[in-house]
Amino acid sequence: MLIREQKKKEVNMDIRIQAIHFDATEQLEAFTRKKVSKLEQYFDGIISAEVTLKVVKPETANNKQAGILLNIKNGECFAEKVNDSFEESVDECVEALEKQLVKFKEKIRTK
């Protein structure tokens, strides 16, 4: 009897997470990596992702800022959002980048 191994698609995108003015927890880094790696579904040519997590001063309700810069073939995409939690900010950045990647892909197809 043959046993087939199902290999998960390797994530070949380099994801760098930088926490400014605080120490990011393992859960936050894992969450961010998971969300950002899903962007490869929308565009294959993502080379790397630079995620910046920052606590904005002064201490107010919406003070968790996330910025994601994607280096892609023939360009780059950027999104930055501020919310109550880093998870919300990262979620919104990923949603914005999904839209940008879809538009970028359509633009390439029309050329």
PDB file of N, CA and C in Angstrom:
ATOM      1  N   MET A   1       0.841  -1.189   0.000  1.00  0.00           N
ATOM      2  CA  MET A   1       0.000   0.000   0.000  1.00  0.00           C
ATOM      3  C   MET A   1       0.885   1.252   0.000  1.00  0.00           C
ATOM      4  N   LEU A   2       0.610   2.145  -0.911  1.00  0.00           N
ATOM      5  CA  LEU A   2       1.385   3.381  -1.000  1.00  0.00           C
ATOM      6  C   LEU A   2       0.750   4.468  -0.154  1.00  0.00           C
ATOM      7  N   ILE A   3       1.588   5.153   0.531  1.00  0.00           N
ATOM      8  CA  ILE A   3       1.111   6.290   1.326  1.00  0.00           C
ATOM      9  C   ILE A   3       1.582   7.558   0.636  1.00  0.00           C
ATOM     10  N   ARG A   4       0.631   8.360   0.270  1.00  0.00           N
ATOM     11  CA  ARG A   4       0.966   9.609  -0.400  1.00  0.00           C
ATOM     12  C   ARG A   4       1.180  10.708   0.628  1.00  0.00           C
ATOM     13  N   GLU A   5       2.230  11.424   0.419  1.00  0.00           N
ATOM     14  CA  GLU A   5       2.498  12.557   1.303  1.00  0.00           C
ATOM     15  C   GLU A   5       1.963  13.823   0.653  1.00  0.00           C
ATOM     16  N   GLN A   6       1.162  14.519   1.414  1.00  0.00           N
ATOM     17  CA  GLN A   6       0.674  15.793   0.910  1.00  0.00           C
ATOM     18  C   GLN A   6       1.567  16.885   1.469  1.00  0.00           C
ATOM     19  N   LYS A   7       2.242  17.552   0.582  1.00  0.00           N
ATOM     20  CA  LYS A   7       3.119  18.627   1.022  1.00  0.00           C
ATOM     21  C   LYS A   7       2.379  19.947   0.915  1.00  0.00           C
ATOM     22  N   LYS A   8       2.487  20.709   1.974  1.00  0.00           N
ATOM     23  CA  LYS A   8       1.913  22.043   1.940  1.00  0.00           C
ATOM     24  C   LYS A   8       2.752  22.899   1.015  1.00  0.00           C
ATOM     25  N   LYS A   9       2.109  23.804   0.343  1.00  0.00           N
ATOM     26  CA  LYS A   9       2.846  24.706  -0.537  1.00  0.00           C
ATOM     27  C   LYS A   9       3.815  25.521   0.323  1.00  0.00           C
ATOM     28  N   GLU A  10       5.075  25.449  -0.051  1.00  0.00           N
ATOM     29  CA  GLU A  10       6.095  26.175   0.705  1.00  0.00           C
ATOM     30  C   GLU A  10       5.887  27.678   0.527  1.00  0.00           C
ATOM     31  N   VAL A  11       6.000  28.383   1.631  1.00  0.00           N
ATOM     32  CA  VAL A  11       5.917  29.833   1.552  1.00  0.00           C
ATOM     33  C   VAL A  11       7.314  30.336   1.238  1.00  0.00           C
ATOM     34  N   ASN A  12       7.495  30.847   0.024  1.00  0.00           N
ATOM     35  CA  ASN A  12       8.818  31.306  -0.357  1.00  0.00           C
ATOM     36  C   ASN A  12       8.960  32.818  -0.225  1.00  0.00           C
ATOM     37  N   MET A  13       8.014  33.412   0.439  1.00  0.00           N
ATOM     38  CA  MET A  13       8.059  34.838   0.690  1.00  0.00           C
ATOM     39  C   MET A  13       8.804  35.075   2.010  1.00  0.00           C
ATOM     40  N   ASP A  14       9.717  36.030   2.004  1.00  0.00           N
ATOM     41  CA  ASP A  14      10.459  36.382   3.210  1.00  0.00           C
ATOM     42  C   ASP A  14       9.623  37.386   4.001  1.00  0.00           C
ATOM     43  N   ILE A  15       9.234  37.022   5.223  1.00  0.00           N
ATOM     44  CA  ILE A  15       8.407  37.908   6.051  1.00  0.00           C
ATOM     45  C   ILE A  15       9.244  38.408   7.224  1.00  0.00           C
ATOM     46  N   ARG A  16       9.427  39.719   7.291  1.00  0.00           N
ATOM     47  CA  ARG A  16      10.167  40.327   8.402  1.00  0.00           C
ATOM     48  C   ARG A  16       9.204  41.160   9.235  1.00  0.00           C
ATOM     49  N   ILE A  17       9.221  40.925  10.546  1.00  0.00           N
ATOM     50  CA  ILE A  17       8.330  41.663  11.454  1.00  0.00           C
ATOM     51  C   ILE A  17       9.193  42.522  12.373  1.00  0.00           C
ATOM     52  N   GLN A  18       8.861  43.807  12.418  1.00  0.00           N
ATOM     53  CA  GLN A  18       9.602  44.733  13.260  1.00  0.00           C
ATOM     54  C   GLN A  18       8.627  45.380  14.244  1.00  0.00           C
ATOM     55  N   ALA A  19       8.900  45.226  15.540  1.00  0.00           N
ATOM     56  CA  ALA A  19       8.065  45.836  16.575  1.00  0.00           C
ATOM     57  C   ALA A  19       8.794  47.070  17.107  1.00  0.00           C
ATOM     58  N   ILE A  20       8.140  48.219  16.995  1.00  0.00           N
ATOM     59  CA  ILE A  20       8.756  49.477  17.420  1.00  0.00           C
ATOM     60  C   ILE A  20       8.160  49.928  18.744  1.00  0.00           C
ATOM     61  N   HIS A  21       8.999  50.185  19.721  1.00  0.00           N
ATOM     62  CA  HIS A  21       8.637  50.669  21.060  1.00  0.00           C
ATOM     63  C   HIS A  21       7.889  49.651  21.918  1.00  0.00           C
ATOM     64  N   PHE A  22       7.968  48.359  21.549  1.00  0.00           N
ATOM     65  CA  PHE A  22       7.384  47.308  22.393  1.00  0.00           C
ATOM     66  C   PHE A  22       7.916  45.964  21.929  1.00  0.00           C
ATOM     67  N   ASP A  23       7.709  44.917  22.748  1.00  0.00           N
ATOM     68  CA  ASP A  23       8.128  43.568  22.375  1.00  0.00           C
ATOM     69  C   ASP A  23       6.913  42.780  21.913  1.00  0.00           C
ATOM     70  N   ALA A  24       6.953  42.295  20.680  1.00  0.00           N
ATOM     71  CA  ALA A  24       5.835  41.530  20.126  1.00  0.00           C
ATOM     72  C   ALA A  24       5.830  40.120  20.719  1.00  0.00           C
ATOM     73  N   THR A  25       4.643  39.621  21.038  1.00  0.00           N
ATOM     74  CA  THR A  25       4.519  38.270  21.580  1.00  0.00           C
ATOM     75  C   THR A  25       4.622  37.249  20.451  1.00  0.00           C
ATOM     76  N   GLU A  26       4.884  36.006  20.835  1.00  0.00           N
ATOM     77  CA  GLU A  26       4.954  34.920  19.839  1.00  0.00           C
ATOM     78  C   GLU A  26       3.617  34.785  19.109  1.00  0.00           C
ATOM     79  N   GLN A  27       2.494  34.902  19.862  1.00  0.00           N
ATOM     80  CA  GLN A  27       1.169  34.770  19.250  1.00  0.00           C
ATOM     81  C   GLN A  27       0.936  35.848  18.203  1.00  0.00           C
ATOM     82  N   LEU A  28       1.347  37.074  18.515  1.00  0.00           N
ATOM     83  CA  LEU A  28       1.160  38.187  17.577  1.00  0.00           C
ATOM     84  C   LEU A  28       1.997  37.968  16.321  1.00  0.00           C
ATOM     85  N   GLU A  29       3.237  37.514  16.492  1.00  0.00           N
ATOM     86  CA  GLU A  29       4.093  37.257  15.330  1.00  0.00           C
ATOM     87  C   GLU A  29       3.544  36.114  14.484  1.00  0.00           C
ATOM     88  N   ALA A  30       3.059  35.055  15.146  1.00  0.00           N
ATOM     89  CA  ALA A  30       2.499  33.905  14.420  1.00  0.00           C
ATOM     90  C   ALA A  30       1.250  34.327  13.641  1.00  0.00           C
ATOM     91  N   PHE A  31       0.384  35.115  14.298  1.00  0.00           N
ATOM     92  CA  PHE A  31      -0.839  35.619  13.664  1.00  0.00           C
ATOM     93  C   PHE A  31      -0.484  36.447  12.422  1.00  0.00           C
ATOM     94  N   THR A  32       0.493  37.336  12.571  1.00  0.00           N
ATOM     95  CA  THR A  32       0.896  38.214  11.481  1.00  0.00           C
ATOM     96  C   THR A  32       1.464  37.411  10.317  1.00  0.00           C
ATOM     97  N   ARG A  33       2.331  36.449  10.605  1.00  0.00           N
ATOM     98  CA  ARG A  33       2.917  35.609   9.552  1.00  0.00           C
ATOM     99  C   ARG A  33       1.832  34.839   8.798  1.00  0.00           C
ATOM    100  N   LYS A  34       0.866  34.302   9.552  1.00  0.00           N
ATOM    101  CA  LYS A  34      -0.213  33.524   8.939  1.00  0.00           C
ATOM    102  C   LYS A  34      -1.026  34.395   7.979  1.00  0.00           C
ATOM    103  N   LYS A  35      -1.398  35.584   8.440  1.00  0.00           N
ATOM    104  CA  LYS A  35      -2.211  36.490   7.624  1.00  0.00           C
ATOM    105  C   LYS A  35      -1.456  36.959   6.379  1.00  0.00           C
ATOM    106  N   VAL A  36      -0.202  37.356   6.561  1.00  0.00           N
ATOM    107  CA  VAL A  36       0.581  37.891   5.441  1.00  0.00           C
ATOM    108  C   VAL A  36       0.874  36.798   4.416  1.00  0.00           C
ATOM    109  N   SER A  37       1.125  35.572   4.889  1.00  0.00           N
ATOM    110  CA  SER A  37       1.437  34.486   3.951  1.00  0.00           C
ATOM    111  C   SER A  37       0.242  34.131   3.076  1.00  0.00           C
ATOM    112  N   LYS A  38      -0.979  34.451   3.522  1.00  0.00           N
ATOM    113  CA  LYS A  38      -2.172  34.190   2.711  1.00  0.00           C
ATOM    114  C   LYS A  38      -2.249  35.094   1.474  1.00  0.00           C
ATOM    115  N   LEU A  39      -1.461  36.163   1.466  1.00  0.00           N
ATOM    116  CA  LEU A  39      -1.474  37.075   0.322  1.00  0.00           C
ATOM    117  C   LEU A  39      -0.925  36.411  -0.936  1.00  0.00           C
ATOM    118  N   GLU A  40      -0.171  35.325  -0.778  1.00  0.00           N
ATOM    119  CA  GLU A  40       0.379  34.632  -1.946  1.00  0.00           C
ATOM    120  C   GLU A  40      -0.710  34.015  -2.814  1.00  0.00           C
ATOM    121  N   GLN A  41      -1.906  33.830  -2.256  1.00  0.00           N
ATOM    122  CA  GLN A  41      -3.031  33.311  -3.042  1.00  0.00           C
ATOM    123  C   GLN A  41      -3.396  34.284  -4.167  1.00  0.00           C
ATOM    124  N   TYR A  42      -3.205  35.568  -3.915  1.00  0.00           N
ATOM    125  CA  TYR A  42      -3.654  36.597  -4.846  1.00  0.00           C
ATOM    126  C   TYR A  42      -2.621  36.952  -5.902  1.00  0.00           C
ATOM    127  N   PHE A  43      -1.333  36.768  -5.567  1.00  0.00           N
ATOM    128  CA  PHE A  43      -0.274  37.123  -6.515  1.00  0.00           C
ATOM    129  C   PHE A  43       0.963  36.293  -6.210  1.00  0.00           C
ATOM    130  N   ASP A  44       1.472  35.604  -7.242  1.00  0.00           N
ATOM    131  CA  ASP A  44       2.611  34.704  -7.052  1.00  0.00           C
ATOM    132  C   ASP A  44       3.946  35.427  -6.929  1.00  0.00           C
ATOM    133  N   GLY A  45       4.023  36.617  -7.426  1.00  0.00           N
ATOM    134  CA  GLY A  45       5.309  37.306  -7.506  1.00  0.00           C
ATOM    135  C   GLY A  45       5.711  38.106  -6.282  1.00  0.00           C
ATOM    136  N   ILE A  46       5.238  37.731  -5.097  1.00  0.00           N
ATOM    137  CA  ILE A  46       5.625  38.458  -3.890  1.00  0.00           C
ATOM    138  C   ILE A  46       7.002  37.972  -3.457  1.00  0.00           C
ATOM    139  N   ILE A  47       7.949  38.885  -3.379  1.00  0.00           N
ATOM    140  CA  ILE A  47       9.315  38.536  -3.016  1.00  0.00           C
ATOM    141  C   ILE A  47       9.485  38.559  -1.503  1.00  0.00           C
ATOM    142  N   SER A  48       9.064  39.659  -0.874  1.00  0.00           N
ATOM    143  CA  SER A  48       9.199  39.760   0.576  1.00  0.00           C
ATOM    144  C   SER A  48       8.130  40.686   1.145  1.00  0.00           C
ATOM    145  N   ALA A  49       7.930  40.568   2.455  1.00  0.00           N
ATOM    146  CA  ALA A  49       6.975  41.421   3.158  1.00  0.00           C
ATOM    147  C   ALA A  49       7.664  41.983   4.397  1.00  0.00           C
ATOM    148  N   GLU A  50       7.553  43.286   4.580  1.00  0.00           N
ATOM    149  CA  GLU A  50       8.102  43.924   5.771  1.00  0.00           C
ATOM    150  C   GLU A  50       6.938  44.475   6.577  1.00  0.00           C
ATOM    151  N   VAL A  51       6.761  43.916   7.775  1.00  0.00           N
ATOM    152  CA  VAL A  51       5.653  44.311   8.638  1.00  0.00           C
ATOM    153  C   VAL A  51       6.211  45.176   9.767  1.00  0.00           C
ATOM    154  N   THR A  52       5.623  46.346   9.955  1.00  0.00           N
ATOM    155  CA  THR A  52       6.036  47.239  11.033  1.00  0.00           C
ATOM    156  C   THR A  52       4.864  47.392  11.995  1.00  0.00           C
ATOM    157  N   LEU A  53       5.087  47.012  13.246  1.00  0.00           N
ATOM    158  CA  LEU A  53       4.070  47.161  14.291  1.00  0.00           C
ATOM    159  C   LEU A  53       4.557  48.242  15.252  1.00  0.00           C
ATOM    160  N   LYS A  54       3.674  49.188  15.561  1.00  0.00           N
ATOM    161  CA  LYS A  54       4.111  50.345  16.325  1.00  0.00           C
ATOM    162  C   LYS A  54       2.995  50.823  17.245  1.00  0.00           C
ATOM    163  N   VAL A  55       3.374  51.217  18.460  1.00  0.00           N
ATOM    164  CA  VAL A  55       2.417  51.827  19.383  1.00  0.00           C
ATOM    165  C   VAL A  55       2.533  53.331  19.192  1.00  0.00           C
ATOM    166  N   VAL A  56       1.419  53.945  18.785  1.00  0.00           N
ATOM    167  CA  VAL A  56       1.415  55.380  18.500  1.00  0.00           C
ATOM    168  C   VAL A  56       1.190  56.148  19.798  1.00  0.00           C
ATOM    169  N   LYS A  57       1.984  57.171  20.004  1.00  0.00           N
ATOM    170  CA  LYS A  57       1.816  58.024  21.185  1.00  0.00           C
ATOM    171  C   LYS A  57       0.894  59.164  20.807  1.00  0.00           C
ATOM    172  N   PRO A  58       0.105  59.751  21.658  1.00  0.00           N
ATOM    173  CA  PRO A  58      -0.123  59.404  23.067  1.00  0.00           C
ATOM    174  C   PRO A  58      -1.015  58.174  23.202  1.00  0.00           C
ATOM    175  N   GLU A  59      -1.038  57.617  24.395  1.00  0.00           N
ATOM    176  CA  GLU A  59      -1.838  56.418  24.668  1.00  0.00           C
ATOM    177  C   GLU A  59      -3.329  56.743  24.566  1.00  0.00           C
ATOM    178  N   THR A  60      -3.912  56.450  23.431  1.00  0.00           N
ATOM    179  CA  THR A  60      -5.346  56.643  23.235  1.00  0.00           C
ATOM    180  C   THR A  60      -5.964  55.302  22.856  1.00  0.00           C
ATOM    181  N   ALA A  61      -7.256  55.310  22.560  1.00  0.00           N
ATOM    182  CA  ALA A  61      -7.942  54.050  22.227  1.00  0.00           C
ATOM    183  C   ALA A  61      -7.357  53.431  20.959  1.00  0.00           C
ATOM    184  N   ASN A  62      -7.317  54.184  19.874  1.00  0.00           N
ATOM    185  CA  ASN A  62      -6.776  53.669  18.614  1.00  0.00           C
ATOM    186  C   ASN A  62      -5.297  54.033  18.507  1.00  0.00           C
ATOM    187  N   ASN A  63      -4.434  53.185  19.068  1.00  0.00           N
ATOM    188  CA  ASN A  63      -3.014  53.532  19.037  1.00  0.00           C
ATOM    189  C   ASN A  63      -2.112  52.389  18.577  1.00  0.00           C
ATOM    190  N   LYS A  64      -2.699  51.345  17.969  1.00  0.00           N
ATOM    191  CA  LYS A  64      -1.909  50.219  17.467  1.00  0.00           C
ATOM    192  C   LYS A  64      -1.827  50.326  15.949  1.00  0.00           C
ATOM    193  N   GLN A  65      -0.639  50.640  15.454  1.00  0.00           N
ATOM    194  CA  GLN A  65      -0.450  50.875  14.024  1.00  0.00           C
ATOM    195  C   GLN A  65       0.307  49.707  13.399  1.00  0.00           C
ATOM    196  N   ALA A  66      -0.189  49.255  12.251  1.00  0.00           N
ATOM    197  CA  ALA A  66       0.489  48.206  11.488  1.00  0.00           C
ATOM    198  C   ALA A  66       0.695  48.710  10.076  1.00  0.00           C
ATOM    199  N   GLY A  67       1.888  48.495   9.562  1.00  0.00           N
ATOM    200  CA  GLY A  67       2.195  48.857   8.186  1.00  0.00           C
ATOM    201  C   GLY A  67       2.822  47.650   7.505  1.00  0.00           C
ATOM    202  N   ILE A  68       2.375  47.333   6.307  1.00  0.00           N
ATOM    203  CA  ILE A  68       2.919  46.193   5.571  1.00  0.00           C
ATOM    204  C   ILE A  68       3.376  46.676   4.202  1.00  0.00           C
ATOM    205  N   LEU A  69       4.657  46.427   3.901  1.00  0.00           N
ATOM    206  CA  LEU A  69       5.230  46.763   2.607  1.00  0.00           C
ATOM    207  C   LEU A  69       5.555  45.462   1.899  1.00  0.00           C
ATOM    208  N   LEU A  70       4.932  45.260   0.747  1.00  0.00           N
ATOM    209  CA  LEU A  70       5.193  44.064  -0.057  1.00  0.00           C
ATOM    210  C   LEU A  70       6.112  44.423  -1.216  1.00  0.00           C
ATOM    211  N   ASN A  71       7.221  43.718  -1.312  1.00  0.00           N
ATOM    212  CA  ASN A  71       8.096  43.860  -2.475  1.00  0.00           C
ATOM    213  C   ASN A  71       7.663  42.797  -3.466  1.00  0.00           C
ATOM    214  N   ILE A  72       7.164  43.229  -4.622  1.00  0.00           N
ATOM    215  CA  ILE A  72       6.680  42.291  -5.629  1.00  0.00           C
ATOM    216  C   ILE A  72       7.447  42.523  -6.922  1.00  0.00           C
ATOM    217  N   LYS A  73       7.339  41.569  -7.836  1.00  0.00           N
ATOM    218  CA  LYS A  73       7.996  41.736  -9.131  1.00  0.00           C
ATOM    219  C   LYS A  73       7.455  42.998  -9.794  1.00  0.00           C
ATOM    220  N   ASN A  74       8.337  43.838 -10.251  1.00  0.00           N
ATOM    221  CA  ASN A  74       7.989  45.082 -10.944  1.00  0.00           C
ATOM    222  C   ASN A  74       7.286  46.116 -10.071  1.00  0.00           C
ATOM    223  N   GLY A  75       7.526  46.132  -8.771  1.00  0.00           N
ATOM    224  CA  GLY A  75       6.926  47.173  -7.950  1.00  0.00           C
ATOM    225  C   GLY A  75       6.799  46.810  -6.489  1.00  0.00           C
ATOM    226  N   GLU A  76       5.956  47.573  -5.796  1.00  0.00           N
ATOM    227  CA  GLU A  76       5.674  47.288  -4.391  1.00  0.00           C
ATOM    228  C   GLU A  76       4.289  47.801  -4.028  1.00  0.00           C
ATOM    229  N   CYS A  77       3.733  47.204  -2.966  1.00  0.00           N
ATOM    230  CA  CYS A  77       2.425  47.614  -2.445  1.00  0.00           C
ATOM    231  C   CYS A  77       2.587  47.937  -0.968  1.00  0.00           C
ATOM    232  N   PHE A  78       1.832  48.911  -0.485  1.00  0.00           N
ATOM    233  CA  PHE A  78       1.940  49.312   0.914  1.00  0.00           C
ATOM    234  C   PHE A  78       0.561  49.601   1.488  1.00  0.00           C
ATOM    235  N   ALA A  79       0.374  49.196   2.748  1.00  0.00           N
ATOM    236  CA  ALA A  79      -0.861  49.528   3.467  1.00  0.00           C
ATOM    237  C   ALA A  79      -0.503  49.805   4.920  1.00  0.00           C
ATOM    238  N   GLU A  80      -1.198  50.777   5.502  1.00  0.00           N
ATOM    239  CA  GLU A  80      -0.955  51.124   6.906  1.00  0.00           C
ATOM    240  C   GLU A  80      -2.292  51.439   7.560  1.00  0.00           C
ATOM    241  N   LYS A  81      -2.546  50.826   8.707  1.00  0.00           N
ATOM    242  CA  LYS A  81      -3.818  51.029   9.401  1.00  0.00           C
ATOM    243  C   LYS A  81      -3.578  51.195  10.899  1.00  0.00           C
ATOM    244  N   VAL A  82      -4.492  51.905  11.571  1.00  0.00           N
ATOM    245  CA  VAL A  82      -4.416  52.111  13.014  1.00  0.00           C
ATOM    246  C   VAL A  82      -5.739  51.664  13.623  1.00  0.00           C
ATOM    247  N   ASN A  83      -5.672  50.840  14.687  1.00  0.00           N
ATOM    248  CA  ASN A  83      -6.867  50.316  15.354  1.00  0.00           C
ATOM    249  C   ASN A  83      -6.625  50.124  16.845  1.00  0.00           C
ATOM    250  N   ASP A  84      -7.628  49.511  17.511  1.00  0.00           N
ATOM    251  CA  ASP A  84      -7.514  49.210  18.940  1.00  0.00           C
ATOM    252  C   ASP A  84      -6.498  48.106  19.221  1.00  0.00           C
ATOM    253  N   SER A  85      -6.383  47.138  18.292  1.00  0.00           N
ATOM    254  CA  SER A  85      -5.452  46.021  18.505  1.00  0.00           C
ATOM    255  C   SER A  85      -4.607  45.816  17.250  1.00  0.00           C
ATOM    256  N   PHE A  86      -3.446  45.189  17.441  1.00  0.00           N
ATOM    257  CA  PHE A  86      -2.579  44.918  16.301  1.00  0.00           C
ATOM    258  C   PHE A  86      -3.232  43.927  15.342  1.00  0.00           C
ATOM    259  N   GLU A  87      -3.995  42.987  15.902  1.00  0.00           N
ATOM    260  CA  GLU A  87      -4.664  41.995  15.049  1.00  0.00           C
ATOM    261  C   GLU A  87      -5.622  42.676  14.069  1.00  0.00           C
ATOM    262  N   GLU A  88      -6.407  43.626  14.576  1.00  0.00           N
ATOM    263  CA  GLU A  88      -7.337  44.362  13.707  1.00  0.00           C
ATOM    264  C   GLU A  88      -6.582  45.147  12.639  1.00  0.00           C
ATOM    265  N   SER A  89      -5.501  45.791  13.062  1.00  0.00           N
ATOM    266  CA  SER A  89      -4.705  46.592  12.123  1.00  0.00           C
ATOM    267  C   SER A  89      -4.110  45.716  11.029  1.00  0.00           C
ATOM    268  N   VAL A  90      -3.547  44.559  11.417  1.00  0.00           N
ATOM    269  CA  VAL A  90      -2.951  43.646  10.441  1.00  0.00           C
ATOM    270  C   VAL A  90      -4.031  43.122   9.499  1.00  0.00           C
ATOM    271  N   ASP A  91      -5.203  42.760  10.049  1.00  0.00           N
ATOM    272  CA  ASP A  91      -6.326  42.286   9.229  1.00  0.00           C
ATOM    273  C   ASP A  91      -6.688  43.299   8.153  1.00  0.00           C
ATOM    274  N   GLU A  92      -6.840  44.562   8.561  1.00  0.00           N
ATOM    275  CA  GLU A  92      -7.238  45.598   7.616  1.00  0.00           C
ATOM    276  C   GLU A  92      -6.149  45.851   6.572  1.00  0.00           C
ATOM    277  N   CYS A  93      -4.886  45.790   6.990  1.00  0.00           N
ATOM    278  CA  CYS A  93      -3.778  45.952   6.039  1.00  0.00           C
ATOM    279  C   CYS A  93      -3.807  44.847   4.995  1.00  0.00           C
ATOM    280  N   VAL A  94      -4.013  43.617   5.451  1.00  0.00           N
ATOM    281  CA  VAL A  94      -4.037  42.472   4.536  1.00  0.00           C
ATOM    282  C   VAL A  94      -5.194  42.613   3.548  1.00  0.00           C
ATOM    283  N   GLU A  95      -6.364  43.047   4.038  1.00  0.00           N
ATOM    284  CA  GLU A  95      -7.516  43.258   3.146  1.00  0.00           C
ATOM    285  C   GLU A  95      -7.192  44.313   2.085  1.00  0.00           C
ATOM    286  N   ALA A  96      -6.567  45.406   2.505  1.00  0.00           N
ATOM    287  CA  ALA A  96      -6.222  46.470   1.563  1.00  0.00           C
ATOM    288  C   ALA A  96      -5.203  45.964   0.540  1.00  0.00           C
ATOM    289  N   LEU A  97      -4.245  45.171   0.996  1.00  0.00           N
ATOM    290  CA  LEU A  97      -3.223  44.642   0.088  1.00  0.00           C
ATOM    291  C   LEU A  97      -3.809  43.626  -0.884  1.00  0.00           C
ATOM    292  N   GLU A  98      -4.807  42.857  -0.426  1.00  0.00           N
ATOM    293  CA  GLU A  98      -5.482  41.904  -1.328  1.00  0.00           C
ATOM    294  C   GLU A  98      -6.047  42.669  -2.524  1.00  0.00           C
ATOM    295  N   LYS A  99      -6.736  43.768  -2.246  1.00  0.00           N
ATOM    296  CA  LYS A  99      -7.335  44.580  -3.308  1.00  0.00           C
ATOM    297  C   LYS A  99      -6.259  45.142  -4.231  1.00  0.00           C
ATOM    298  N   GLN A 100      -5.155  45.622  -3.631  1.00  0.00           N
ATOM    299  CA  GLN A 100      -4.073  46.180  -4.443  1.00  0.00           C
ATOM    300  C   GLN A 100      -3.457  45.121  -5.351  1.00  0.00           C
ATOM    301  N   LEU A 101      -3.267  43.919  -4.804  1.00  0.00           N
ATOM    302  CA  LEU A 101      -2.656  42.844  -5.590  1.00  0.00           C
ATOM    303  C   LEU A 101      -3.551  42.405  -6.736  1.00  0.00           C
ATOM    304  N   VAL A 102      -4.859  42.337  -6.484  1.00  0.00           N
ATOM    305  CA  VAL A 102      -5.807  41.965  -7.540  1.00  0.00           C
ATOM    306  C   VAL A 102      -5.766  43.008  -8.656  1.00  0.00           C
ATOM    307  N   LYS A 103      -5.758  44.295  -8.282  1.00  0.00           N
ATOM    308  CA  LYS A 103      -5.693  45.368  -9.280  1.00  0.00           C
ATOM    309  C   LYS A 103      -4.387  45.301 -10.060  1.00  0.00           C
ATOM    310  N   PHE A 104      -3.290  45.060  -9.346  1.00  0.00           N
ATOM    311  CA  PHE A 104      -1.969  44.983  -9.976  1.00  0.00           C
ATOM    312  C   PHE A 104      -1.922  43.834 -10.977  1.00  0.00           C
ATOM    313  N   LYS A 105      -2.503  42.698 -10.581  1.00  0.00           N
ATOM    314  CA  LYS A 105      -2.530  41.517 -11.445  1.00  0.00           C
ATOM    315  C   LYS A 105      -3.351  41.799 -12.706  1.00  0.00           C
ATOM    316  N   GLU A 106      -4.510  42.452 -12.555  1.00  0.00           N
ATOM    317  CA  GLU A 106      -5.349  42.789 -13.704  1.00  0.00           C
ATOM    318  C   GLU A 106      -4.629  43.757 -14.640  1.00  0.00           C
ATOM    319  N   LYS A 107      -3.895  44.690 -14.050  1.00  0.00           N
ATOM    320  CA  LYS A 107      -3.142  45.665 -14.824  1.00  0.00           C
ATOM    321  C   LYS A 107      -2.090  44.959 -15.692  1.00  0.00           C
ATOM    322  N   ILE A 108      -1.423  43.970 -15.114  1.00  0.00           N
ATOM    323  CA  ILE A 108      -0.411  43.209 -15.847  1.00  0.00           C
ATOM    324  C   ILE A 108      -1.052  42.422 -16.991  1.00  0.00           C
ATOM    325  N   ARG A 109      -2.207  41.822 -16.720  1.00  0.00           N
ATOM    326  CA  ARG A 109      -2.896  41.014 -17.739  1.00  0.00           C
ATOM    327  C   ARG A 109      -3.320  41.845 -18.948  1.00  0.00           C
ATOM    328  N   THR A 110      -3.715  43.096 -18.704  1.00  0.00           N
ATOM    329  CA  THR A 110      -4.191  43.945 -19.804  1.00  0.00           C
ATOM    330  C   THR A 110      -3.055  44.430 -20.693  1.00  0.00           C
ATOM    331  N   LYS A 111      -1.821  44.389 -20.194  1.00  0.00           N
ATOM    332  CA  LYS A 111      -0.680  44.871 -21.000  1.00  0.00           C
ATOM    333  C   LYS A 111      -0.248  43.865 -22.026  1.00  0.00           C
TER     334      LYS A 111
END
